[in-house]
Structures are given as structure tokens and as C-alpha cells.
Amino acid sequence: MKQFFYECPENKYDELKVYFIEGWDEMNNIIINKIRDFSPKSYLDVGFGTGDILYGVAKSIPSCSKIVGIEPNLGMVRNTEKKYTFPENVEILQTDLEGFTPEYEFDVISLCLVYHNLTEEMCNLNKITGLLKEGGMLIISDFVTSENKDDFIQERKHACDKAIINGVSRKTVEEIYEQELLDSTITRTELKELLVLNGFKNTEELFDVGSYFVCSTIKSLS
């Protein structure tokens, strides 16, 4: 999926995401509302992509004085800056997680459809945990492999068929489908276990439709 969006024309990002991510707007609104209810003073969006959640947080939480979005894909950075006008408290950086070395921690961090693109070194979430304040909230959304692989394959085939019906080329659909099967290497259960290992507690499922899963969790004070 990462390679596809690097090669995809910038003006196609918003069009394609809707076809391949069922309930995109609903998922984004759930995430934004969850962050707003937490009332953070600082927020980090890791891999902000098309900028929808980054902008939604900036717009709905004016009391959040420090908002940072990082994104390695220059095309997505340009697309986001063309699409939205951000307030002065929002800092947009073209960098990946490995290259991001702030001297401060955040109240809330989100990784929305980013986990499957992380390097092996970053997948253990150690760096993310270190960037989050004690008692801070982490939100992860991603497509996950069902414990039953056949269910996952059928669900993704349905999404691909829908994309083709809506005019996306079959070649593009097949490339994304093949990459999704390679990227999806973690189950819901494994993700929850990984969070526990990193000292998170009170994990809450926020959204679970097809192969897409969103949860929030709190960095333990103990």
C-alpha cells in the first residue's frame, strides 16, 4: 500500500482511499471526537496522509496549543497543504518516524493506517511509547488480518470489486490487493497484546468494520 501511494498521482489520493477503506469518514470522525474528548494540549499525527484527521483535530480543538503532523510522502504533504489552511499552532513535517526526534512528549498520538507501513524496528512501538506522556492516549487504526485468513481475503475482494465498479482500473486494484495481503501481518489479538507489552492499559475498540480496526489505549502511569 505504501509503494502504491508513493506512485499514485497526488490528485487521486482522496478518490482512491474512499474505495478501499469502507467507512472512511465515519472512522475519521470517531477518531477526531475521541481526541477532542481527551482535551489534549499537544497532539502528534504520525503519517497524516491526506490530512483529514490532522485538520479535524486542529479545527475542533482550539485549546490544543501544539499540533504536529509528520508524513514521509512529499506528494501527500503537498496535497494536504493545498487542501487545507492550518492555524499557526500546526507544524507539518516531511519526515518518517525514524527521523522524527522532538525534545518533548505528546498528550495524544495517532497512527492512522500507518502501522502496516512501519519498518521492523518501529513495529514494536517502543519509539511511539517514548514520545507519549505518561497517562497519554494512543490511537491506532489499520487494516488487520482476521484470525480466519479466508474472511480477510473475501472482505478485501469485495472492496476491490467495488473500486472497479466505481472506475478504478483493474490493474491498480490488483496491485493494491496484492500489497494488502503482504502488509496485513497482525491480528486484532496480536495488536492488543503488543500494546500491553508496551505498558498500555484500558484499550477500547472504537471502530471495527471488515478488515479495518481502530482502538484507543492509555499509557500506564505505573
Protein backbone atom coordinates (compact mmCIF):
# COMPACT_ATOMS: atom_id res chain seq x y z
CA MET A 1 0.00 0.00 0.00
CA LYS A 2 2.84 2.39 0.85
CA GLN A 3 4.54 1.91 -2.52
CA PHE A 4 1.25 2.39 -4.36
CA PHE A 5 0.55 5.77 -2.77
CA TYR A 6 4.10 6.91 -3.45
CA GLU A 7 3.49 6.24 -7.16
CA CYS A 8 -0.14 7.41 -7.27
CA PRO A 9 -0.87 10.90 -8.74
CA GLU A 10 -1.42 13.43 -5.94
CA ASN A 11 -4.91 14.32 -7.17
CA LYS A 12 -6.05 10.68 -6.79
CA TYR A 13 -5.32 10.15 -3.07
CA ASP A 14 -8.72 11.27 -1.81
CA GLU A 15 -10.58 9.45 -4.59
CA LEU A 16 -8.92 6.08 -4.04
CA LYS A 17 -8.99 5.99 -0.25
CA VAL A 18 -12.81 6.02 -0.25
CA TYR A 19 -12.98 2.90 -2.40
CA PHE A 20 -10.53 0.84 -0.40
CA ILE A 21 -11.43 1.94 3.12
CA GLU A 22 -15.05 1.27 3.97
CA GLY A 23 -16.48 3.83 6.38
CA TRP A 24 -13.57 6.27 5.92
CA ASP A 25 -15.45 9.41 7.03
CA GLU A 26 -17.12 7.62 9.94
CA MET A 27 -13.77 6.27 11.10
CA ASN A 28 -12.14 9.70 10.91
CA ASN A 29 -14.97 11.35 12.85
CA ILE A 30 -14.73 8.73 15.61
CA ILE A 31 -11.00 9.36 15.94
CA ILE A 32 -11.34 13.15 15.95
CA ASN A 33 -14.13 13.05 18.55
CA LYS A 34 -12.13 10.69 20.76
CA ILE A 35 -9.15 13.03 20.67
CA ARG A 36 -11.35 16.07 21.32
CA ASP A 37 -12.95 14.43 24.36
CA PHE A 38 -9.46 13.77 25.79
CA SER A 39 -8.77 17.56 25.68
CA PRO A 40 -5.07 17.32 24.81
CA LYS A 41 -2.68 20.26 24.89
CA SER A 42 -0.40 18.52 22.40
CA TYR A 43 -1.05 16.08 19.57
CA LEU A 44 1.11 14.13 17.11
CA ASP A 45 -0.31 12.64 13.90
CA VAL A 46 2.16 10.04 12.62
CA GLY A 47 1.80 9.60 8.86
CA PHE A 48 -1.03 12.11 8.41
CA GLY A 49 -1.59 11.08 4.78
CA THR A 50 -4.38 13.13 3.24
CA GLY A 51 -4.53 15.38 6.31
CA ASP A 52 -8.18 14.84 7.22
CA ILE A 53 -7.65 13.89 10.86
CA LEU A 54 -4.86 16.44 11.35
CA TYR A 55 -7.11 19.22 10.12
CA GLY A 56 -10.13 17.90 12.03
CA VAL A 57 -8.21 17.98 15.30
CA ALA A 58 -6.82 21.47 14.61
CA LYS A 59 -10.30 22.77 13.79
CA SER A 60 -12.22 21.11 16.64
CA ILE A 61 -9.71 21.57 19.49
CA PRO A 62 -8.52 25.21 19.50
CA SER A 63 -7.16 24.70 23.04
CA CYS A 64 -4.62 22.18 21.73
CA SER A 65 -1.63 24.50 21.55
CA LYS A 66 0.86 22.18 19.84
CA ILE A 67 -0.16 20.02 16.89
CA VAL A 68 2.45 18.23 14.80
CA GLY A 69 1.92 16.11 11.70
CA ILE A 70 4.67 14.01 10.15
CA GLU A 71 4.45 12.35 6.75
CA PRO A 72 7.30 10.91 4.63
CA ASN A 73 5.44 11.12 1.30
CA LEU A 74 6.09 14.54 -0.29
CA GLY A 75 3.09 14.14 -2.56
CA MET A 76 0.76 13.70 0.40
CA VAL A 77 2.33 16.68 2.18
CA ARG A 78 1.72 18.87 -0.86
CA ASN A 79 -1.80 17.54 -1.31
CA THR A 80 -2.66 18.27 2.33
CA GLU A 81 -1.22 21.80 2.24
CA LYS A 82 -3.22 22.55 -0.93
CA LYS A 83 -6.44 21.15 0.51
CA TYR A 84 -6.36 22.72 3.98
CA THR A 85 -5.37 26.01 5.59
CA PHE A 86 -3.97 25.21 9.02
CA PRO A 87 -3.72 27.55 12.04
CA GLU A 88 -0.30 28.67 13.24
CA ASN A 89 -0.13 26.09 16.04
CA VAL A 90 0.09 23.26 13.47
CA GLU A 91 3.53 22.14 12.33
CA ILE A 92 3.77 19.93 9.23
CA LEU A 93 6.98 17.99 8.66
CA GLN A 94 8.02 15.77 5.78
CA THR A 95 9.77 13.01 7.70
CA ASP A 96 9.28 9.44 8.79
CA LEU A 97 9.04 8.20 12.36
CA GLU A 98 12.71 7.22 12.49
CA GLY A 99 13.78 10.73 11.54
CA PHE A 100 11.46 12.49 13.99
CA THR A 101 13.36 13.43 17.16
CA PRO A 102 11.46 16.06 19.15
CA GLU A 103 12.60 17.25 22.57
CA TYR A 104 9.11 16.97 24.03
CA GLU A 105 6.34 14.41 24.56
CA PHE A 106 2.71 14.46 23.45
CA ASP A 107 -0.64 14.06 25.21
CA VAL A 108 -2.11 12.16 22.25
CA ILE A 109 -0.52 10.31 19.33
CA SER A 110 -2.37 8.71 16.44
CA LEU A 111 -1.22 6.24 13.79
CA CYS A 112 -3.97 6.02 11.21
CA LEU A 113 -3.35 3.38 8.53
CA VAL A 114 0.37 3.66 9.29
CA TYR A 115 1.29 0.62 11.37
CA HIS A 116 1.48 -1.75 8.39
CA ASN A 117 3.98 0.62 6.74
CA LEU A 118 6.36 0.88 9.70
CA THR A 119 9.81 -0.63 9.49
CA GLU A 120 10.50 -3.75 11.51
CA GLU A 121 12.42 -1.62 14.02
CA MET A 122 9.45 0.71 14.56
CA CYS A 123 6.75 -2.00 14.69
CA ASN A 124 7.48 -2.80 18.32
CA LEU A 125 6.07 0.68 19.18
CA ASN A 126 8.98 1.47 21.53
CA LYS A 127 9.61 4.84 19.90
CA ILE A 128 5.91 5.75 19.89
CA THR A 129 5.70 4.86 23.57
CA GLY A 130 8.68 7.11 24.30
CA LEU A 131 7.04 10.06 22.53
CA LEU A 132 3.86 9.78 24.59
CA LYS A 133 3.42 11.33 28.04
CA GLU A 134 2.54 9.13 31.00
CA GLY A 135 -1.24 8.91 31.05
CA GLY A 136 -1.35 9.96 27.40
CA MET A 137 -3.57 8.36 24.78
CA LEU A 138 -2.52 6.39 21.70
CA ILE A 139 -4.93 5.75 18.84
CA ILE A 140 -4.14 3.13 16.22
CA SER A 141 -6.25 2.46 13.13
CA ASP A 142 -5.22 -0.03 10.50
CA PHE A 143 -6.39 -2.96 8.47
CA VAL A 144 -5.72 -6.16 10.33
CA THR A 145 -5.70 -9.80 9.37
CA SER A 146 -8.62 -11.81 10.66
CA GLU A 147 -7.80 -14.88 12.70
CA ASN A 148 -9.54 -16.53 9.75
CA LYS A 149 -7.45 -15.53 6.71
CA ASP A 150 -10.21 -16.56 4.30
CA ASP A 151 -12.57 -13.97 5.82
CA PHE A 152 -9.97 -11.26 5.31
CA ILE A 153 -9.39 -12.27 1.68
CA GLN A 154 -13.12 -12.24 0.88
CA GLU A 155 -13.64 -8.86 2.54
CA ARG A 156 -10.78 -7.28 0.58
CA LYS A 157 -12.01 -8.83 -2.69
CA HIS A 158 -15.37 -7.16 -2.08
CA ALA A 159 -13.68 -3.78 -1.63
CA CYS A 160 -11.67 -4.30 -4.81
CA ASP A 161 -14.78 -5.18 -6.81
CA LYS A 162 -16.43 -2.02 -5.52
CA ALA A 163 -13.44 0.06 -6.64
CA ILE A 164 -13.55 -1.41 -10.15
CA ILE A 165 -17.28 -0.68 -10.43
CA ASN A 166 -16.52 2.93 -9.50
CA GLY A 167 -13.99 3.32 -12.28
CA VAL A 168 -10.64 2.42 -10.72
CA SER A 169 -8.54 0.43 -13.18
CA ARG A 170 -8.34 -3.31 -12.63
CA LYS A 171 -4.53 -3.14 -12.76
CA THR A 172 -4.47 -0.59 -9.94
CA VAL A 173 -6.93 -2.65 -7.89
CA GLU A 174 -4.92 -5.84 -8.32
CA GLU A 175 -1.71 -4.09 -7.27
CA ILE A 176 -3.31 -2.74 -4.09
CA TYR A 177 -4.97 -6.07 -3.28
CA GLU A 178 -1.70 -7.97 -3.60
CA GLN A 179 0.11 -5.43 -1.41
CA GLU A 180 -2.61 -5.54 1.25
CA LEU A 181 -2.18 -9.30 1.58
CA LEU A 182 1.54 -8.76 2.13
CA ASP A 183 1.09 -5.83 4.53
CA SER A 184 -1.58 -7.39 6.75
CA THR A 185 0.50 -9.42 9.14
CA ILE A 186 -1.06 -8.62 12.51
CA THR A 187 -4.38 -9.70 14.01
CA ARG A 188 -6.58 -7.77 16.42
CA THR A 189 -5.44 -10.04 19.24
CA GLU A 190 -1.76 -9.59 18.41
CA LEU A 191 -2.14 -5.81 18.29
CA LYS A 192 -3.77 -5.75 21.70
CA GLU A 193 -1.03 -7.97 23.13
CA LEU A 194 1.61 -5.64 21.67
CA LEU A 195 0.01 -2.68 23.43
CA VAL A 196 0.04 -4.49 26.76
CA LEU A 197 3.73 -5.31 26.31
CA ASN A 198 4.42 -1.60 25.81
CA GLY A 199 2.71 -0.64 29.07
CA PHE A 200 -0.69 0.41 27.74
CA LYS A 201 -3.96 -0.26 29.51
CA ASN A 202 -7.71 0.33 29.12
CA THR A 203 -7.68 -0.44 25.41
CA GLU A 204 -11.03 0.47 23.85
CA GLU A 205 -12.30 -0.67 20.46
CA LEU A 206 -13.66 2.35 18.59
CA PHE A 207 -14.34 1.03 15.10
CA ASP A 208 -14.32 -2.46 13.63
CA VAL A 209 -15.66 -2.85 10.09
CA GLY A 210 -14.39 -5.56 7.79
CA SER A 211 -10.61 -5.57 7.95
CA TYR A 212 -10.36 -2.07 9.46
CA PHE A 213 -9.89 -1.69 13.17
CA VAL A 214 -9.48 1.34 15.43
CA CYS A 215 -8.61 1.32 19.12
CA SER A 216 -7.52 3.79 21.75
CA THR A 217 -5.33 2.99 24.72
CA ILE A 218 -3.69 4.79 27.65
CA LYS A 219 -0.01 4.77 28.58
CA SER A 220 0.06 3.41 32.13
CA LEU A 221 1.03 5.68 34.99
CA SER A 222 2.56 2.76 36.89
